[in-house]
Amino acid sequence: MQVFGPRTFTIRVPATSANIGPGFDVVGLSLSLYLTVTATLASPTAWHGPGASNVPHPPPIPKLTYTGEGADEVPLDPYKNLTTRVALYVLRCAGISAFPENLTIHAHNEIPFGRGLGSSGAAVVAGVLLANALGSLDLPPARMLDHALMVERHPDNVTAALVGGFVGSYLRELDPAATQAASVPLSEVLPEYPPDAGPDWGRYPPVPPVGIGHYVRFGWAKEIKAVAIIPRFELSTARAREVLPESYSRKDLVFNLQRLAVLTTALAQSPPDPGLIYEAMTDRVHQPYRSALIPGLPEVTSTITPSTHPGLLGICLSGAGPTILALAVDGFEKIAEDARAIFRTRDIEVDWKVLDIVQEGSSTVQS
């Protein structure tokens, strides 16, 4: 056991929008809404590091508080909360079996739950960064991404949240042993702490293979902002995936690939070309199938265009929805209010925000 003096560090993780038109499960965009986690170690702080045999039972339990979006529904038990469960998983992968004593954690969240803005991805990335800071693990970004991908199996959200900007990512084809390790059920990666658990419970979790995910950052024209049009209802990713087909026609796949190849370059050009971008943001892989889950989506994406709304570049579903993301250089309020009017014809209220693209990604600052 080691004893450390007091320290406080703050982690900021941005919201994300995945898919971005034709980029289903491929591209993600980092946006200026944040999950902020502040952790304080009081003095004296006991730390049961690698190989420690004297971890108290029950182990130390951090005090967790939460404000902002989702505060009335997020679990405050550190063994049930997603961020702290991920943190404990990463610590245990490094041989650190328990949280340090005298640890308090406060989370403030600006990212709406279940709206297609990457709330779960942000929680996962925050957990990885929390463990990295607590354990002084010095994990490089690629290794932090490996840990995140053991929990959040789609790389687009967590990659954009971690590194920032406009990002393309993929999962590497692994050898059989690594594939088996990366395919461990989430219930085994992040099991909830049972009341009768002994001191050795969960101390040896599946360690992620090296290099599960790879990514590249695309350019982004600095004048482009994102208008997030956020309906006041939740849509789970699982439900949104259930409506997708098992297979696609070659014609639809080529349609998306052609547009994605253009879009990743077009969004970096200044001044942006709305005629090029608007068509390049159309999709045949997920939006048509999810329209039935989001009343008003087809009308918004088809009637709000660069010709009707000067300044608009393109419009698409954000992640699994129901948020709609409009990329624009001007006319933000008219875009959002006209979308609001369409949703109101379906008895759906929306909120909207003009967001910047966050180029720096997640951060950890010690004070």
Protein backbone atom coordinates (compact mmCIF):
# COMPACT_ATOMS: atom_id res chain seq x y z
CA MET A 1 0.00 0.00 0.00
CA GLN A 2 1.21 3.49 -0.86
CA VAL A 3 -0.01 6.80 0.56
CA PHE A 4 -0.35 9.87 -1.65
CA GLY A 5 -0.98 13.51 -0.86
CA PRO A 6 -4.10 15.34 -1.99
CA ARG A 7 -4.69 16.03 -5.66
CA THR A 8 -7.57 16.97 -7.92
CA PHE A 9 -7.88 16.43 -11.64
CA THR A 10 -10.59 17.28 -14.12
CA ILE A 11 -11.49 15.25 -17.20
CA ARG A 12 -13.48 16.73 -20.10
CA VAL A 13 -14.96 14.51 -22.79
CA PRO A 14 -16.92 16.00 -25.71
CA ALA A 15 -20.19 14.81 -27.19
CA THR A 16 -20.04 13.13 -30.57
CA SER A 17 -22.14 12.58 -33.64
CA ALA A 18 -21.56 9.32 -35.48
CA ASN A 19 -22.42 8.13 -39.01
CA ILE A 20 -22.53 11.67 -40.58
CA GLY A 21 -24.62 10.95 -43.64
CA PRO A 22 -23.17 8.00 -45.60
CA GLY A 23 -20.51 7.19 -42.97
CA PHE A 24 -22.48 4.54 -41.06
CA ASP A 25 -20.26 3.01 -38.33
CA VAL A 26 -17.25 4.71 -39.94
CA VAL A 27 -17.00 8.44 -39.18
CA GLY A 28 -17.55 10.50 -36.06
CA LEU A 29 -17.54 14.18 -35.19
CA SER A 30 -16.60 15.74 -31.85
CA LEU A 31 -19.01 18.44 -30.60
CA SER A 32 -18.92 21.16 -27.93
CA LEU A 33 -21.13 19.59 -25.26
CA TYR A 34 -19.18 17.98 -22.45
CA LEU A 35 -19.12 15.36 -19.76
CA THR A 36 -16.84 16.81 -17.07
CA VAL A 37 -15.54 14.53 -14.31
CA THR A 38 -13.68 15.99 -11.33
CA ALA A 39 -11.90 13.53 -9.05
CA THR A 40 -10.35 14.49 -5.71
CA LEU A 41 -8.03 12.36 -3.62
CA ALA A 42 -7.99 13.55 -0.01
CA SER A 43 -4.93 13.24 2.20
CA PRO A 44 -3.82 10.78 3.38
CA THR A 45 -4.90 8.54 0.51
CA ALA A 46 -4.27 4.81 0.62
CA TRP A 47 -3.60 3.22 -2.75
CA HIS A 48 -3.60 -0.54 -3.18
CA GLY A 49 -1.44 -0.84 -6.26
CA PRO A 50 -0.29 -3.78 -8.39
CA GLY A 51 0.31 -6.92 -6.42
CA ALA A 52 -1.24 -5.55 -3.23
CA SER A 53 -2.40 -8.31 -0.92
CA ASN A 54 -3.88 -6.14 1.80
CA VAL A 55 -6.87 -4.65 0.01
CA PRO A 56 -9.56 -4.11 2.65
CA HIS A 57 -12.85 -5.95 2.30
CA PRO A 58 -15.16 -4.50 1.33
CA PRO A 59 -12.82 -2.45 -0.88
CA PRO A 60 -12.83 1.36 -0.80
CA ILE A 61 -15.92 2.87 -2.40
CA PRO A 62 -15.60 6.33 -3.96
CA LYS A 63 -18.24 8.93 -3.21
CA LEU A 64 -19.96 9.75 -6.53
CA THR A 65 -22.18 12.76 -7.28
CA TYR A 66 -23.75 13.81 -10.57
CA THR A 67 -25.41 16.93 -11.98
CA GLY A 68 -26.77 18.03 -15.35
CA GLU A 69 -28.35 15.89 -18.06
CA GLY A 70 -29.46 12.51 -16.74
CA ALA A 71 -28.84 13.39 -13.09
CA ASP A 72 -32.19 11.91 -12.06
CA GLU A 73 -31.52 8.54 -13.69
CA VAL A 74 -27.80 7.83 -13.62
CA PRO A 75 -26.71 5.32 -10.92
CA LEU A 76 -24.54 6.78 -8.15
CA ASP A 77 -23.25 3.41 -7.00
CA PRO A 78 -19.67 3.30 -8.39
CA TYR A 79 -20.11 -0.41 -9.14
CA LYS A 80 -23.16 0.32 -11.32
CA ASN A 81 -22.21 3.67 -12.89
CA LEU A 82 -20.74 3.23 -16.37
CA THR A 83 -17.83 5.68 -15.98
CA THR A 84 -16.59 4.27 -12.68
CA ARG A 85 -17.11 0.66 -13.80
CA VAL A 86 -14.95 1.34 -16.85
CA ALA A 87 -12.33 3.03 -14.64
CA LEU A 88 -12.17 0.01 -12.34
CA TYR A 89 -11.92 -2.32 -15.34
CA VAL A 90 -8.92 -0.38 -16.73
CA LEU A 91 -7.25 -0.23 -13.31
CA ARG A 92 -7.63 -3.97 -12.87
CA CYS A 93 -6.18 -4.58 -16.32
CA ALA A 94 -3.13 -2.73 -14.98
CA GLY A 95 -3.02 -4.91 -11.84
CA ILE A 96 -4.64 -2.33 -9.54
CA SER A 97 -7.48 -4.14 -7.84
CA ALA A 98 -9.42 -1.35 -6.13
CA PHE A 99 -10.07 2.37 -6.11
CA PRO A 100 -7.88 4.41 -3.76
CA GLU A 101 -9.29 5.36 -0.39
CA ASN A 102 -10.71 8.85 0.24
CA LEU A 103 -11.71 9.36 -3.40
CA THR A 104 -14.62 11.61 -4.37
CA ILE A 105 -15.87 11.96 -7.94
CA HIS A 106 -18.26 14.55 -9.31
CA ALA A 107 -19.64 14.38 -12.84
CA HIS A 108 -21.41 17.23 -14.62
CA ASN A 109 -23.02 16.25 -17.90
CA GLU A 110 -24.23 18.43 -20.79
CA ILE A 111 -24.88 15.53 -23.21
CA PRO A 112 -28.51 14.36 -23.46
CA PHE A 113 -29.05 10.63 -22.90
CA GLY A 114 -30.40 8.47 -25.71
CA ARG A 115 -30.40 11.21 -28.34
CA GLY A 116 -27.63 10.14 -30.72
CA LEU A 117 -24.99 12.50 -29.30
CA GLY A 118 -22.63 9.92 -27.84
CA SER A 119 -23.53 10.04 -24.15
CA SER A 120 -22.49 6.42 -23.51
CA GLY A 121 -19.31 6.80 -25.55
CA ALA A 122 -18.38 9.88 -23.51
CA ALA A 123 -19.01 7.97 -20.27
CA VAL A 124 -16.76 5.14 -21.44
CA VAL A 125 -13.93 7.45 -22.51
CA ALA A 126 -14.23 9.37 -19.23
CA GLY A 127 -13.80 6.08 -17.36
CA VAL A 128 -10.64 5.21 -19.30
CA LEU A 129 -9.16 8.66 -18.64
CA LEU A 130 -10.17 8.48 -14.98
CA ALA A 131 -8.28 5.21 -14.53
CA ASN A 132 -5.32 6.53 -16.48
CA ALA A 133 -5.08 9.55 -14.15
CA LEU A 134 -5.79 7.69 -10.91
CA GLY A 135 -3.26 4.96 -11.61
CA SER A 136 -0.67 7.18 -13.36
CA LEU A 137 -0.79 4.60 -16.14
CA ASP A 138 0.51 6.87 -18.93
CA LEU A 139 -1.50 5.00 -21.54
CA PRO A 140 -1.01 6.32 -25.09
CA PRO A 141 -4.20 7.25 -27.00
CA ALA A 142 -4.12 4.06 -29.06
CA ARG A 143 -4.07 1.92 -25.93
CA MET A 144 -6.82 3.96 -24.28
CA LEU A 145 -8.87 3.33 -27.41
CA ASP A 146 -8.30 -0.43 -27.04
CA HIS A 147 -9.77 -0.33 -23.53
CA ALA A 148 -12.72 1.78 -24.65
CA LEU A 149 -13.47 -0.62 -27.50
CA MET A 150 -13.72 -3.54 -25.10
CA VAL A 151 -16.82 -1.79 -23.75
CA GLU A 152 -18.18 0.30 -26.63
CA ARG A 153 -17.82 -2.02 -29.60
CA HIS A 154 -18.36 0.60 -32.32
CA PRO A 155 -15.29 2.81 -32.83
CA ASP A 156 -16.87 5.93 -34.38
CA ASN A 157 -18.17 7.57 -31.18
CA VAL A 158 -15.37 6.68 -28.76
CA THR A 159 -12.63 7.57 -31.25
CA ALA A 160 -14.09 11.02 -31.94
CA ALA A 161 -14.61 11.60 -28.20
CA LEU A 162 -11.04 10.59 -27.41
CA VAL A 163 -9.04 12.34 -30.15
CA GLY A 164 -11.46 15.04 -31.35
CA GLY A 165 -12.31 16.49 -34.74
CA PHE A 166 -13.73 14.69 -37.76
CA VAL A 167 -12.49 11.11 -37.57
CA GLY A 168 -12.69 7.92 -39.60
CA SER A 169 -12.08 4.62 -37.82
CA TYR A 170 -12.22 0.88 -38.26
CA LEU A 171 -11.79 -2.30 -36.23
CA ARG A 172 -8.74 -4.33 -37.22
CA GLU A 173 -9.09 -7.96 -38.23
CA LEU A 174 -7.44 -9.80 -35.34
CA ASP A 175 -5.81 -13.20 -35.10
CA PRO A 176 -7.97 -15.96 -33.53
CA ALA A 177 -6.63 -15.51 -29.99
CA ALA A 178 -7.03 -11.72 -30.06
CA THR A 179 -10.47 -12.04 -31.67
CA GLN A 180 -11.59 -14.27 -28.81
CA ALA A 181 -10.19 -11.82 -26.24
CA ALA A 182 -11.93 -8.85 -27.88
CA SER A 183 -15.21 -10.76 -28.10
CA VAL A 184 -15.68 -11.31 -24.39
CA PRO A 185 -19.30 -10.50 -23.44
CA LEU A 186 -19.76 -7.09 -21.88
CA SER A 187 -21.18 -8.76 -18.79
CA GLU A 188 -17.70 -10.22 -18.21
CA VAL A 189 -15.79 -7.06 -19.09
CA LEU A 190 -17.95 -4.89 -16.80
CA PRO A 191 -19.70 -7.12 -14.29
CA GLU A 192 -21.62 -5.36 -11.55
CA TYR A 193 -20.19 -5.80 -8.07
CA PRO A 194 -22.31 -8.33 -6.15
CA PRO A 195 -23.03 -7.72 -2.45
CA ASP A 196 -21.38 -10.99 -1.40
CA ALA A 197 -18.22 -10.60 -3.49
CA GLY A 198 -14.95 -11.64 -1.87
CA PRO A 199 -11.72 -9.62 -1.96
CA ASP A 200 -10.52 -11.33 -5.15
CA TRP A 201 -13.75 -10.82 -7.08
CA GLY A 202 -13.15 -9.39 -10.56
CA ARG A 203 -9.45 -8.74 -10.06
CA TYR A 204 -8.43 -10.42 -13.31
CA PRO A 205 -10.61 -9.04 -16.13
CA PRO A 206 -10.01 -9.74 -19.85
CA VAL A 207 -7.19 -7.46 -20.98
CA PRO A 208 -7.82 -5.89 -24.41
CA PRO A 209 -5.68 -6.98 -27.35
CA VAL A 210 -3.30 -4.36 -28.71
CA GLY A 211 -4.50 -2.40 -31.72
CA ILE A 212 -8.22 -3.23 -31.84
CA GLY A 213 -9.12 0.06 -33.51
CA HIS A 214 -7.37 2.36 -35.94
CA TYR A 215 -8.31 5.89 -37.00
CA VAL A 216 -7.42 8.90 -39.10
CA ARG A 217 -8.41 12.52 -38.61
CA PHE A 218 -9.86 14.31 -41.62
CA GLY A 219 -9.63 18.04 -42.23
CA TRP A 220 -12.47 20.38 -41.26
CA ALA A 221 -13.25 23.86 -42.57
CA LYS A 222 -13.21 26.12 -39.51
CA GLU A 223 -16.32 28.07 -40.58
CA ILE A 224 -18.59 24.99 -40.43
CA LYS A 225 -20.70 24.62 -37.29
CA ALA A 226 -23.22 21.96 -36.33
CA VAL A 227 -26.85 22.66 -35.48
CA ALA A 228 -28.10 19.86 -33.24
CA ILE A 229 -31.91 19.57 -33.42
CA ILE A 230 -32.81 17.40 -30.44
CA PRO A 231 -36.32 15.88 -30.13
CA ARG A 232 -37.54 15.45 -26.56
CA PHE A 233 -37.66 11.68 -26.59
CA GLU A 234 -35.04 8.98 -26.26
CA LEU A 235 -34.18 6.32 -28.82
CA SER A 236 -31.91 3.49 -27.74
CA THR A 237 -29.13 2.41 -30.07
CA ALA A 238 -30.28 -1.20 -29.70
CA ARG A 239 -33.78 -0.37 -30.91
CA ALA A 240 -32.42 1.72 -33.78
CA ARG A 241 -30.21 -1.19 -34.88
CA GLU A 242 -33.08 -3.67 -34.77
CA VAL A 243 -34.76 -2.01 -37.75
CA LEU A 244 -31.69 -2.30 -39.99
CA PRO A 245 -31.57 -5.08 -42.60
CA GLU A 246 -29.12 -7.97 -42.43
CA SER A 247 -27.86 -7.28 -45.96
CA TYR A 248 -27.83 -4.49 -48.55
CA SER A 249 -27.87 -4.27 -52.31
CA ARG A 250 -24.64 -3.52 -54.14
CA LYS A 251 -26.31 -0.41 -55.56
CA ASP A 252 -26.99 1.04 -52.09
CA LEU A 253 -23.50 0.24 -50.82
CA VAL A 254 -21.88 1.88 -53.84
CA PHE A 255 -24.19 4.90 -53.36
CA ASN A 256 -22.86 5.38 -49.81
CA LEU A 257 -19.22 4.66 -50.64
CA GLN A 258 -19.21 7.21 -53.47
CA ARG A 259 -20.63 9.94 -51.24
CA LEU A 260 -18.41 9.15 -48.29
CA ALA A 261 -15.31 9.38 -50.48
CA VAL A 262 -16.37 12.88 -51.52
CA LEU A 263 -17.62 14.04 -48.11
CA THR A 264 -14.41 13.44 -46.16
CA THR A 265 -12.58 15.87 -48.45
CA ALA A 266 -15.41 18.31 -49.14
CA LEU A 267 -15.86 19.19 -45.44
CA ALA A 268 -12.22 20.32 -45.28
CA GLN A 269 -12.46 22.73 -48.20
CA SER A 270 -12.87 26.46 -47.59
CA PRO A 271 -15.19 27.97 -48.58
CA PRO A 272 -17.41 24.87 -48.32
CA ASP A 273 -19.48 23.93 -51.39
CA PRO A 274 -23.13 23.33 -50.34
CA GLY A 275 -24.03 21.81 -53.70
CA LEU A 276 -21.34 19.18 -53.25
CA ILE A 277 -21.81 18.54 -49.52
CA TYR A 278 -25.61 18.32 -49.41
CA GLU A 279 -25.74 15.44 -51.87
CA ALA A 280 -22.66 13.81 -50.32
CA MET A 281 -24.47 13.65 -46.95
CA THR A 282 -27.33 11.51 -48.23
CA ASP A 283 -27.57 7.90 -47.11
CA ARG A 284 -29.21 4.60 -48.03
CA VAL A 285 -27.84 2.36 -45.27
CA HIS A 286 -29.49 3.49 -42.05
CA GLN A 287 -31.59 6.68 -42.30
CA PRO A 288 -34.39 5.26 -44.50
CA TYR A 289 -34.91 2.36 -42.12
CA ARG A 290 -34.93 4.54 -39.00
CA SER A 291 -37.42 7.06 -40.37
CA ALA A 292 -40.35 5.17 -38.86
CA LEU A 293 -38.82 5.59 -35.40
CA ILE A 294 -38.45 9.37 -35.79
CA PRO A 295 -41.64 11.04 -37.02
CA GLY A 296 -40.73 14.13 -39.02
CA LEU A 297 -37.26 12.97 -40.04
CA PRO A 298 -37.99 12.54 -43.78
CA GLU A 299 -39.70 15.94 -43.99
CA VAL A 300 -36.84 17.72 -42.22
CA THR A 301 -34.08 16.15 -44.28
CA SER A 302 -35.89 16.67 -47.60
CA THR A 303 -37.42 20.15 -47.20
CA ILE A 304 -34.58 21.95 -45.42
CA THR A 305 -32.03 22.35 -48.20
CA PRO A 306 -29.29 24.81 -49.25
CA SER A 307 -31.72 26.42 -51.71
CA THR A 308 -34.41 27.00 -49.08
CA HIS A 309 -31.99 27.82 -46.25
CA PRO A 310 -28.89 29.74 -47.33
CA GLY A 311 -25.91 28.78 -45.20
CA LEU A 312 -26.92 25.12 -44.90
CA LEU A 313 -24.42 22.60 -46.21
CA GLY A 314 -25.97 19.25 -45.36
CA ILE A 315 -28.33 17.52 -42.97
CA CYS A 316 -28.45 14.01 -41.52
CA LEU A 317 -29.41 11.84 -38.58
CA SER A 318 -26.94 12.07 -35.69
CA GLY A 319 -25.81 8.61 -34.67
CA ALA A 320 -28.82 6.37 -34.10
CA GLY A 321 -31.01 9.46 -33.57
CA PRO A 322 -33.38 11.00 -32.86
CA THR A 323 -31.16 14.12 -33.04
CA ILE A 324 -30.78 15.64 -36.49
CA LEU A 325 -27.47 17.31 -37.31
CA ALA A 326 -27.34 20.19 -39.77
CA LEU A 327 -23.92 21.40 -40.89
CA ALA A 328 -23.98 25.08 -41.78
CA VAL A 329 -21.99 28.29 -42.03
CA ASP A 330 -24.92 30.68 -41.48
CA GLY A 331 -28.69 30.80 -40.97
CA PHE A 332 -28.54 28.57 -37.91
CA GLU A 333 -31.70 29.86 -36.22
CA LYS A 334 -33.90 29.57 -39.32
CA ILE A 335 -32.70 26.01 -39.92
CA ALA A 336 -33.50 25.02 -36.35
CA GLU A 337 -36.82 26.84 -36.05
CA ASP A 338 -38.12 25.48 -39.34
CA ALA A 339 -37.18 21.98 -38.20
CA ARG A 340 -38.99 22.67 -34.93
CA ALA A 341 -42.13 23.66 -36.88
CA ILE A 342 -42.05 20.39 -38.83
CA PHE A 343 -41.68 18.33 -35.66
CA ARG A 344 -44.55 20.20 -34.03
CA THR A 345 -46.86 18.99 -36.80
CA ARG A 346 -46.08 15.53 -35.38
CA ASP A 347 -46.65 16.70 -31.77
CA ILE A 348 -42.95 16.49 -30.98
CA GLU A 349 -41.09 19.29 -29.22
CA VAL A 350 -37.39 19.84 -29.87
CA ASP A 351 -34.48 21.74 -28.39
CA TRP A 352 -31.65 22.99 -30.53
CA LYS A 353 -28.05 24.08 -30.06
CA VAL A 354 -25.39 25.54 -32.32
CA LEU A 355 -22.21 23.61 -31.59
CA ASP A 356 -18.56 23.99 -32.51
CA ILE A 357 -16.43 21.09 -33.69
CA VAL A 358 -13.98 20.20 -30.92
CA GLN A 359 -10.57 19.61 -32.47
CA GLU A 360 -8.66 18.81 -29.26
CA GLY A 361 -10.78 15.87 -28.05
CA SER A 362 -10.70 14.75 -24.43
CA SER A 363 -8.43 16.27 -21.82
CA THR A 364 -7.18 15.67 -18.29
CA VAL A 365 -5.93 18.58 -16.17
CA GLN A 366 -4.47 18.18 -12.68
CA SER A 367 -4.71 20.98 -10.12
